[in-house]
Amino acid sequence: MQYMDDKKKQLKTGFLDPLMISQARYKEVARRHGEEYKDLDDAEFEKAVKQNQRKKMKVMAAYIGRAMYNHVQHGKDLIIAPHHFK
């Protein structure tokens, strides 16, 4: 549903920030030559990348929860989460 459609239907709509919930936000391209990864072997490198992704996903989940709670508290009838995943 587009922004103008819910205006016509008289719905109070809340939108989540697409930059906060995008795949690029939590899927990092880990470079082996980065400062925090340069002294790790392959197994430790993979483990460190997965831990970093989990942390970022927890931050994203917390944002979604807070945003939904705030939208409901402000009386929104509809919450839209525009996103783009591959």
PDB file of N, CA and C in Angstrom:
ATOM      1  N   MET A   1       0.848  -1.176   0.000  1.00  0.00           N
ATOM      2  CA  MET A   1       0.000   0.000   0.000  1.00  0.00           C
ATOM      3  C   MET A   1       0.892   1.236   0.000  1.00  0.00           C
ATOM      4  N   GLN A   2       0.585   2.168  -0.818  1.00  0.00           N
ATOM      5  CA  GLN A   2       1.367   3.380  -0.933  1.00  0.00           C
ATOM      6  C   GLN A   2       0.881   4.429   0.064  1.00  0.00           C
ATOM      7  N   TYR A   3       1.686   5.432   0.258  1.00  0.00           N
ATOM      8  CA  TYR A   3       1.379   6.506   1.195  1.00  0.00           C
ATOM      9  C   TYR A   3       0.060   7.201   0.839  1.00  0.00           C
ATOM     10  N   MET A   4      -0.166   7.466  -0.433  1.00  0.00           N
ATOM     11  CA  MET A   4      -1.383   8.165  -0.843  1.00  0.00           C
ATOM     12  C   MET A   4      -2.622   7.293  -0.678  1.00  0.00           C
ATOM     13  N   ASP A   5      -2.468   5.969  -0.835  1.00  0.00           N
ATOM     14  CA  ASP A   5      -3.614   5.074  -0.667  1.00  0.00           C
ATOM     15  C   ASP A   5      -4.149   5.109   0.749  1.00  0.00           C
ATOM     16  N   ASP A   6      -3.259   5.109   1.751  1.00  0.00           N
ATOM     17  CA  ASP A   6      -3.759   5.124   3.119  1.00  0.00           C
ATOM     18  C   ASP A   6      -4.285   6.505   3.511  1.00  0.00           C
ATOM     19  N   LYS A   7      -3.839   7.556   2.846  1.00  0.00           N
ATOM     20  CA  LYS A   7      -4.417   8.879   3.084  1.00  0.00           C
ATOM     21  C   LYS A   7      -5.861   8.909   2.577  1.00  0.00           C
ATOM     22  N   LYS A   8      -6.103   8.279   1.430  1.00  0.00           N
ATOM     23  CA  LYS A   8      -7.456   8.225   0.885  1.00  0.00           C
ATOM     24  C   LYS A   8      -8.378   7.395   1.768  1.00  0.00           C
ATOM     25  N   LYS A   9      -7.843   6.342   2.369  1.00  0.00           N
ATOM     26  CA  LYS A   9      -8.655   5.461   3.210  1.00  0.00           C
ATOM     27  C   LYS A   9      -8.720   5.923   4.659  1.00  0.00           C
ATOM     28  N   GLN A  10      -8.094   7.053   4.956  1.00  0.00           N
ATOM     29  CA  GLN A  10      -8.125   7.639   6.299  1.00  0.00           C
ATOM     30  C   GLN A  10      -7.487   6.730   7.353  1.00  0.00           C
ATOM     31  N   LEU A  11      -6.421   6.055   6.980  1.00  0.00           N
ATOM     32  CA  LEU A  11      -5.687   5.223   7.921  1.00  0.00           C
ATOM     33  C   LEU A  11      -4.491   5.999   8.461  1.00  0.00           C
ATOM     34  N   LYS A  12      -4.242   5.835   9.744  1.00  0.00           N
ATOM     35  CA  LYS A  12      -3.027   6.399  10.326  1.00  0.00           C
ATOM     36  C   LYS A  12      -1.927   5.371  10.121  1.00  0.00           C
ATOM     37  N   THR A  13      -0.904   5.747   9.393  1.00  0.00           N
ATOM     38  CA  THR A  13       0.125   4.796   8.985  1.00  0.00           C
ATOM     39  C   THR A  13       1.473   5.182   9.558  1.00  0.00           C
ATOM     40  N   GLY A  14       2.178   4.181  10.064  1.00  0.00           N
ATOM     41  CA  GLY A  14       3.543   4.354  10.523  1.00  0.00           C
ATOM     42  C   GLY A  14       4.478   3.593   9.601  1.00  0.00           C
ATOM     43  N   PHE A  15       5.632   4.148   9.362  1.00  0.00           N
ATOM     44  CA  PHE A  15       6.614   3.516   8.480  1.00  0.00           C
ATOM     45  C   PHE A  15       7.888   3.213   9.256  1.00  0.00           C
ATOM     46  N   LEU A  16       8.444   2.030   9.035  1.00  0.00           N
ATOM     47  CA  LEU A  16       9.758   1.706   9.571  1.00  0.00           C
ATOM     48  C   LEU A  16      10.809   2.255   8.615  1.00  0.00           C
ATOM     49  N   ASP A  17      11.941   2.617   9.157  1.00  0.00           N
ATOM     50  CA  ASP A  17      13.028   3.164   8.355  1.00  0.00           C
ATOM     51  C   ASP A  17      13.646   2.046   7.506  1.00  0.00           C
ATOM     52  N   PRO A  18      13.574   2.142   6.176  1.00  0.00           N
ATOM     53  CA  PRO A  18      14.117   1.059   5.343  1.00  0.00           C
ATOM     54  C   PRO A  18      15.626   0.911   5.458  1.00  0.00           C
ATOM     55  N   LEU A  19      16.324   1.968   5.829  1.00  0.00           N
ATOM     56  CA  LEU A  19      17.775   1.851   5.997  1.00  0.00           C
ATOM     57  C   LEU A  19      18.136   1.073   7.256  1.00  0.00           C
ATOM     58  N   MET A  20      17.261   1.108   8.249  1.00  0.00           N
ATOM     59  CA  MET A  20      17.536   0.375   9.489  1.00  0.00           C
ATOM     60  C   MET A  20      17.235  -1.114   9.367  1.00  0.00           C
ATOM     61  N   ILE A  21      16.355  -1.501   8.446  1.00  0.00           N
ATOM     62  CA  ILE A  21      15.970  -2.910   8.349  1.00  0.00           C
ATOM     63  C   ILE A  21      16.455  -3.568   7.068  1.00  0.00           C
ATOM     64  N   SER A  22      17.344  -2.914   6.345  1.00  0.00           N
ATOM     65  CA  SER A  22      17.825  -3.488   5.089  1.00  0.00           C
ATOM     66  C   SER A  22      18.843  -4.592   5.343  1.00  0.00           C
ATOM     67  N   GLN A  23      18.991  -5.443   4.373  1.00  0.00           N
ATOM     68  CA  GLN A  23      19.935  -6.553   4.483  1.00  0.00           C
ATOM     69  C   GLN A  23      21.367  -6.037   4.572  1.00  0.00           C
ATOM     70  N   ALA A  24      21.649  -4.953   3.903  1.00  0.00           N
ATOM     71  CA  ALA A  24      22.997  -4.392   3.936  1.00  0.00           C
ATOM     72  C   ALA A  24      23.370  -3.899   5.325  1.00  0.00           C
ATOM     73  N   ARG A  25      22.381  -3.644   6.162  1.00  0.00           N
ATOM     74  CA  ARG A  25      22.626  -3.137   7.514  1.00  0.00           C
ATOM     75  C   ARG A  25      23.282  -4.203   8.404  1.00  0.00           C
ATOM     76  N   TYR A  26      22.902  -5.466   8.212  1.00  0.00           N
ATOM     77  CA  TYR A  26      23.463  -6.507   9.079  1.00  0.00           C
ATOM     78  C   TYR A  26      24.350  -7.501   8.352  1.00  0.00           C
ATOM     79  N   LYS A  27      24.312  -7.535   7.036  1.00  0.00           N
ATOM     80  CA  LYS A  27      25.192  -8.429   6.280  1.00  0.00           C
ATOM     81  C   LYS A  27      26.413  -7.646   5.854  1.00  0.00           C
ATOM     82  N   GLU A  28      27.479  -7.803   6.571  1.00  0.00           N
ATOM     83  CA  GLU A  28      28.686  -7.066   6.214  1.00  0.00           C
ATOM     84  C   GLU A  28      29.571  -7.905   5.305  1.00  0.00           C
ATOM     85  N   VAL A  29      30.340  -7.241   4.521  1.00  0.00           N
ATOM     86  CA  VAL A  29      31.344  -7.908   3.701  1.00  0.00           C
ATOM     87  C   VAL A  29      32.632  -7.858   4.517  1.00  0.00           C
ATOM     88  N   ALA A  30      32.938  -8.968   5.154  1.00  0.00           N
ATOM     89  CA  ALA A  30      34.114  -9.022   6.024  1.00  0.00           C
ATOM     90  C   ALA A  30      35.363  -9.207   5.176  1.00  0.00           C
ATOM     91  N   ARG A  31      36.280  -8.364   5.400  1.00  0.00           N
ATOM     92  CA  ARG A  31      37.549  -8.430   4.687  1.00  0.00           C
ATOM     93  C   ARG A  31      38.594  -9.054   5.599  1.00  0.00           C
ATOM     94  N   ARG A  32      39.289  -9.965   5.066  1.00  0.00           N
ATOM     95  CA  ARG A  32      40.297 -10.701   5.824  1.00  0.00           C
ATOM     96  C   ARG A  32      41.431  -9.784   6.295  1.00  0.00           C
ATOM     97  N   HIS A  33      41.622  -8.684   5.619  1.00  0.00           N
ATOM     98  CA  HIS A  33      42.741  -7.791   5.928  1.00  0.00           C
ATOM     99  C   HIS A  33      42.350  -6.682   6.891  1.00  0.00           C
ATOM    100  N   GLY A  34      41.125  -6.724   7.431  1.00  0.00           N
ATOM    101  CA  GLY A  34      40.699  -5.696   8.367  1.00  0.00           C
ATOM    102  C   GLY A  34      41.478  -5.776   9.670  1.00  0.00           C
ATOM    103  N   GLU A  35      41.491  -4.696  10.402  1.00  0.00           N
ATOM    104  CA  GLU A  35      42.273  -4.617  11.642  1.00  0.00           C
ATOM    105  C   GLU A  35      41.858  -5.672  12.661  1.00  0.00           C
ATOM    106  N   GLU A  36      40.546  -5.883  12.828  1.00  0.00           N
ATOM    107  CA  GLU A  36      40.100  -6.825  13.858  1.00  0.00           C
ATOM    108  C   GLU A  36      40.206  -8.279  13.433  1.00  0.00           C
ATOM    109  N   TYR A  37      40.415  -8.546  12.132  1.00  0.00           N
ATOM    110  CA  TYR A  37      40.448  -9.921  11.638  1.00  0.00           C
ATOM    111  C   TYR A  37      41.828 -10.391  11.197  1.00  0.00           C
ATOM    112  N   LYS A  38      42.805  -9.542  11.171  1.00  0.00           N
ATOM    113  CA  LYS A  38      44.067  -9.910  10.528  1.00  0.00           C
ATOM    114  C   LYS A  38      44.859 -10.991  11.267  1.00  0.00           C
ATOM    115  N   ASP A  39      44.664 -11.137  12.584  1.00  0.00           N
ATOM    116  CA  ASP A  39      45.419 -12.138  13.342  1.00  0.00           C
ATOM    117  C   ASP A  39      44.657 -13.441  13.567  1.00  0.00           C
ATOM    118  N   LEU A  40      43.497 -13.616  12.935  1.00  0.00           N
ATOM    119  CA  LEU A  40      42.661 -14.797  13.160  1.00  0.00           C
ATOM    120  C   LEU A  40      42.871 -15.838  12.075  1.00  0.00           C
ATOM    121  N   ASP A  41      42.747 -17.105  12.471  1.00  0.00           N
ATOM    122  CA  ASP A  41      42.776 -18.156  11.461  1.00  0.00           C
ATOM    123  C   ASP A  41      41.372 -18.282  10.851  1.00  0.00           C
ATOM    124  N   ASP A  42      41.191 -19.231   9.928  1.00  0.00           N
ATOM    125  CA  ASP A  42      39.930 -19.318   9.179  1.00  0.00           C
ATOM    126  C   ASP A  42      38.723 -19.590  10.074  1.00  0.00           C
ATOM    127  N   ALA A  43      38.837 -20.530  11.001  1.00  0.00           N
ATOM    128  CA  ALA A  43      37.710 -20.865  11.871  1.00  0.00           C
ATOM    129  C   ALA A  43      37.350 -19.689  12.785  1.00  0.00           C
ATOM    130  N   GLU A  44      38.355 -19.051  13.342  1.00  0.00           N
ATOM    131  CA  GLU A  44      38.105 -17.898  14.213  1.00  0.00           C
ATOM    132  C   GLU A  44      37.523 -16.729  13.421  1.00  0.00           C
ATOM    133  N   PHE A  45      37.970 -16.571  12.190  1.00  0.00           N
ATOM    134  CA  PHE A  45      37.464 -15.509  11.321  1.00  0.00           C
ATOM    135  C   PHE A  45      35.968 -15.707  11.071  1.00  0.00           C
ATOM    136  N   GLU A  46      35.568 -16.922  10.693  1.00  0.00           N
ATOM    137  CA  GLU A  46      34.150 -17.211  10.439  1.00  0.00           C
ATOM    138  C   GLU A  46      33.313 -17.012  11.694  1.00  0.00           C
ATOM    139  N   LYS A  47      33.833 -17.438  12.829  1.00  0.00           N
ATOM    140  CA  LYS A  47      33.118 -17.283  14.090  1.00  0.00           C
ATOM    141  C   LYS A  47      32.951 -15.796  14.444  1.00  0.00           C
ATOM    142  N   ALA A  48      33.985 -15.010  14.249  1.00  0.00           N
ATOM    143  CA  ALA A  48      33.923 -13.580  14.553  1.00  0.00           C
ATOM    144  C   ALA A  48      32.935 -12.866  13.636  1.00  0.00           C
ATOM    145  N   VAL A  49      32.893 -13.245  12.368  1.00  0.00           N
ATOM    146  CA  VAL A  49      31.952 -12.630  11.424  1.00  0.00           C
ATOM    147  C   VAL A  49      30.520 -12.965  11.811  1.00  0.00           C
ATOM    148  N   LYS A  50      30.258 -14.222  12.170  1.00  0.00           N
ATOM    149  CA  LYS A  50      28.909 -14.623  12.576  1.00  0.00           C
ATOM    150  C   LYS A  50      28.475 -13.913  13.858  1.00  0.00           C
ATOM    151  N   GLN A  51      29.377 -13.774  14.803  1.00  0.00           N
ATOM    152  CA  GLN A  51      29.043 -13.062  16.042  1.00  0.00           C
ATOM    153  C   GLN A  51      28.717 -11.602  15.761  1.00  0.00           C
ATOM    154  N   ASN A  52      29.476 -10.987  14.871  1.00  0.00           N
ATOM    155  CA  ASN A  52      29.231  -9.598  14.517  1.00  0.00           C
ATOM    156  C   ASN A  52      27.871  -9.445  13.825  1.00  0.00           C
ATOM    157  N   GLN A  53      27.520 -10.394  12.949  1.00  0.00           N
ATOM    158  CA  GLN A  53      26.225 -10.348  12.278  1.00  0.00           C
ATOM    159  C   GLN A  53      25.085 -10.535  13.275  1.00  0.00           C
ATOM    160  N   ARG A  54      25.258 -11.436  14.248  1.00  0.00           N
ATOM    161  CA  ARG A  54      24.226 -11.642  15.273  1.00  0.00           C
ATOM    162  C   ARG A  54      23.995 -10.378  16.082  1.00  0.00           C
ATOM    163  N   LYS A  55      25.080  -9.698  16.440  1.00  0.00           N
ATOM    164  CA  LYS A  55      24.944  -8.437  17.179  1.00  0.00           C
ATOM    165  C   LYS A  55      24.153  -7.419  16.379  1.00  0.00           C
ATOM    166  N   LYS A  56      24.470  -7.316  15.093  1.00  0.00           N
ATOM    167  CA  LYS A  56      23.769  -6.352  14.246  1.00  0.00           C
ATOM    168  C   LYS A  56      22.302  -6.723  14.073  1.00  0.00           C
ATOM    169  N   MET A  57      22.003  -8.018  13.978  1.00  0.00           N
ATOM    170  CA  MET A  57      20.611  -8.448  13.855  1.00  0.00           C
ATOM    171  C   MET A  57      19.834  -8.170  15.132  1.00  0.00           C
ATOM    172  N   LYS A  58      20.483  -8.291  16.283  1.00  0.00           N
ATOM    173  CA  LYS A  58      19.813  -7.973  17.550  1.00  0.00           C
ATOM    174  C   LYS A  58      19.485  -6.492  17.632  1.00  0.00           C
ATOM    175  N   VAL A  59      20.397  -5.660  17.150  1.00  0.00           N
ATOM    176  CA  VAL A  59      20.139  -4.214  17.120  1.00  0.00           C
ATOM    177  C   VAL A  59      18.957  -3.913  16.200  1.00  0.00           C
ATOM    178  N   MET A  60      18.928  -4.585  15.039  1.00  0.00           N
ATOM    179  CA  MET A  60      17.833  -4.378  14.100  1.00  0.00           C
ATOM    180  C   MET A  60      16.509  -4.858  14.697  1.00  0.00           C
ATOM    181  N   ALA A  61      16.500  -5.998  15.360  1.00  0.00           N
ATOM    182  CA  ALA A  61      15.281  -6.514  15.981  1.00  0.00           C
ATOM    183  C   ALA A  61      14.795  -5.579  17.085  1.00  0.00           C
ATOM    184  N   ALA A  62      15.716  -5.034  17.851  1.00  0.00           N
ATOM    185  CA  ALA A  62      15.342  -4.084  18.898  1.00  0.00           C
ATOM    186  C   ALA A  62      14.736  -2.822  18.286  1.00  0.00           C
ATOM    187  N   TYR A  63      15.294  -2.362  17.167  1.00  0.00           N
ATOM    188  CA  TYR A  63      14.735  -1.189  16.494  1.00  0.00           C
ATOM    189  C   TYR A  63      13.308  -1.468  16.038  1.00  0.00           C
ATOM    190  N   ILE A  64      13.083  -2.627  15.415  1.00  0.00           N
ATOM    191  CA  ILE A  64      11.747  -2.959  14.916  1.00  0.00           C
ATOM    192  C   ILE A  64      10.753  -3.022  16.071  1.00  0.00           C
ATOM    193  N   GLY A  65      11.146  -3.651  17.171  1.00  0.00           N
ATOM    194  CA  GLY A  65      10.265  -3.731  18.332  1.00  0.00           C
ATOM    195  C   GLY A  65       9.925  -2.365  18.904  1.00  0.00           C
ATOM    196  N   ARG A  66      10.947  -1.522  19.067  1.00  0.00           N
ATOM    197  CA  ARG A  66      10.715  -0.167  19.594  1.00  0.00           C
ATOM    198  C   ARG A  66       9.843   0.657  18.662  1.00  0.00           C
ATOM    199  N   ALA A  67      10.125   0.571  17.354  1.00  0.00           N
ATOM    200  CA  ALA A  67       9.363   1.350  16.381  1.00  0.00           C
ATOM    201  C   ALA A  67       7.901   0.907  16.354  1.00  0.00           C
ATOM    202  N   MET A  68       7.657  -0.386  16.385  1.00  0.00           N
ATOM    203  CA  MET A  68       6.277  -0.880  16.381  1.00  0.00           C
ATOM    204  C   MET A  68       5.555  -0.447  17.647  1.00  0.00           C
ATOM    205  N   TYR A  69       6.216  -0.543  18.780  1.00  0.00           N
ATOM    206  CA  TYR A  69       5.602  -0.123  20.042  1.00  0.00           C
ATOM    207  C   TYR A  69       5.259   1.374  19.997  1.00  0.00           C
ATOM    208  N   ASN A  70       6.183   2.186  19.507  1.00  0.00           N
ATOM    209  CA  ASN A  70       5.940   3.625  19.424  1.00  0.00           C
ATOM    210  C   ASN A  70       4.802   3.953  18.463  1.00  0.00           C
ATOM    211  N   HIS A  71       4.739   3.251  17.340  1.00  0.00           N
ATOM    212  CA  HIS A  71       3.653   3.499  16.389  1.00  0.00           C
ATOM    213  C   HIS A  71       2.301   3.135  17.001  1.00  0.00           C
ATOM    214  N   VAL A  72       2.247   2.033  17.725  1.00  0.00           N
ATOM    215  CA  VAL A  72       0.994   1.633  18.369  1.00  0.00           C
ATOM    216  C   VAL A  72       0.610   2.635  19.450  1.00  0.00           C
ATOM    217  N   GLN A  73       1.579   3.116  20.203  1.00  0.00           N
ATOM    218  CA  GLN A  73       1.296   4.105  21.245  1.00  0.00           C
ATOM    219  C   GLN A  73       0.765   5.415  20.664  1.00  0.00           C
ATOM    220  N   HIS A  74       1.157   5.744  19.447  1.00  0.00           N
ATOM    221  CA  HIS A  74       0.687   6.965  18.801  1.00  0.00           C
ATOM    222  C   HIS A  74      -0.580   6.733  17.982  1.00  0.00           C
ATOM    223  N   GLY A  75      -1.190   5.574  18.127  1.00  0.00           N
ATOM    224  CA  GLY A  75      -2.478   5.311  17.492  1.00  0.00           C
ATOM    225  C   GLY A  75      -2.436   4.996  16.014  1.00  0.00           C
ATOM    226  N   LYS A  76      -1.360   4.415  15.535  1.00  0.00           N
ATOM    227  CA  LYS A  76      -1.266   4.061  14.115  1.00  0.00           C
ATOM    228  C   LYS A  76      -2.095   2.810  13.848  1.00  0.00           C
ATOM    229  N   ASP A  77      -2.811   2.814  12.734  1.00  0.00           N
ATOM    230  CA  ASP A  77      -3.634   1.669  12.342  1.00  0.00           C
ATOM    231  C   ASP A  77      -2.854   0.663  11.509  1.00  0.00           C
ATOM    232  N   LEU A  78      -1.829   1.130  10.831  1.00  0.00           N
ATOM    233  CA  LEU A  78      -1.079   0.314   9.903  1.00  0.00           C
ATOM    234  C   LEU A  78       0.402   0.636  10.021  1.00  0.00           C
ATOM    235  N   ILE A  79       1.231  -0.400  10.023  1.00  0.00           N
ATOM    236  CA  ILE A  79       2.687  -0.198  10.081  1.00  0.00           C
ATOM    237  C   ILE A  79       3.277  -0.848   8.831  1.00  0.00           C
ATOM    238  N   ILE A  80       4.000  -0.048   8.070  1.00  0.00           N
ATOM    239  CA  ILE A  80       4.582  -0.531   6.814  1.00  0.00           C
ATOM    240  C   ILE A  80       6.097  -0.601   6.991  1.00  0.00           C
ATOM    241  N   ALA A  81       6.658  -1.733   6.551  1.00  0.00           N
ATOM    242  CA  ALA A  81       8.102  -1.937   6.630  1.00  0.00           C
ATOM    243  C   ALA A  81       8.648  -2.123   5.217  1.00  0.00           C
ATOM    244  N   PRO A  82       8.976  -1.037   4.523  1.00  0.00           N
ATOM    245  CA  PRO A  82       9.547  -1.190   3.186  1.00  0.00           C
ATOM    246  C   PRO A  82      10.957  -1.768   3.276  1.00  0.00           C
ATOM    247  N   HIS A  83      11.226  -2.814   2.520  1.00  0.00           N
ATOM    248  CA  HIS A  83      12.541  -3.447   2.599  1.00  0.00           C
ATOM    249  C   HIS A  83      12.906  -4.026   1.235  1.00  0.00           C
ATOM    250  N   HIS A  84      14.157  -4.356   1.099  1.00  0.00           N
ATOM    251  CA  HIS A  84      14.638  -4.983  -0.122  1.00  0.00           C
ATOM    252  C   HIS A  84      15.688  -6.017   0.262  1.00  0.00           C
ATOM    253  N   PHE A  85      15.336  -7.275   0.108  1.00  0.00           N
ATOM    254  CA  PHE A  85      16.271  -8.359   0.370  1.00  0.00           C
ATOM    255  C   PHE A  85      16.542  -9.085  -0.941  1.00  0.00           C
ATOM    256  N   LYS A  86      17.742  -9.612  -1.057  1.00  0.00           N
ATOM    257  CA  LYS A  86      18.097 -10.372  -2.263  1.00  0.00           C
ATOM    258  C   LYS A  86      17.539 -11.761  -2.170  1.00  0.00           C
TER     259      LYS A  86
END
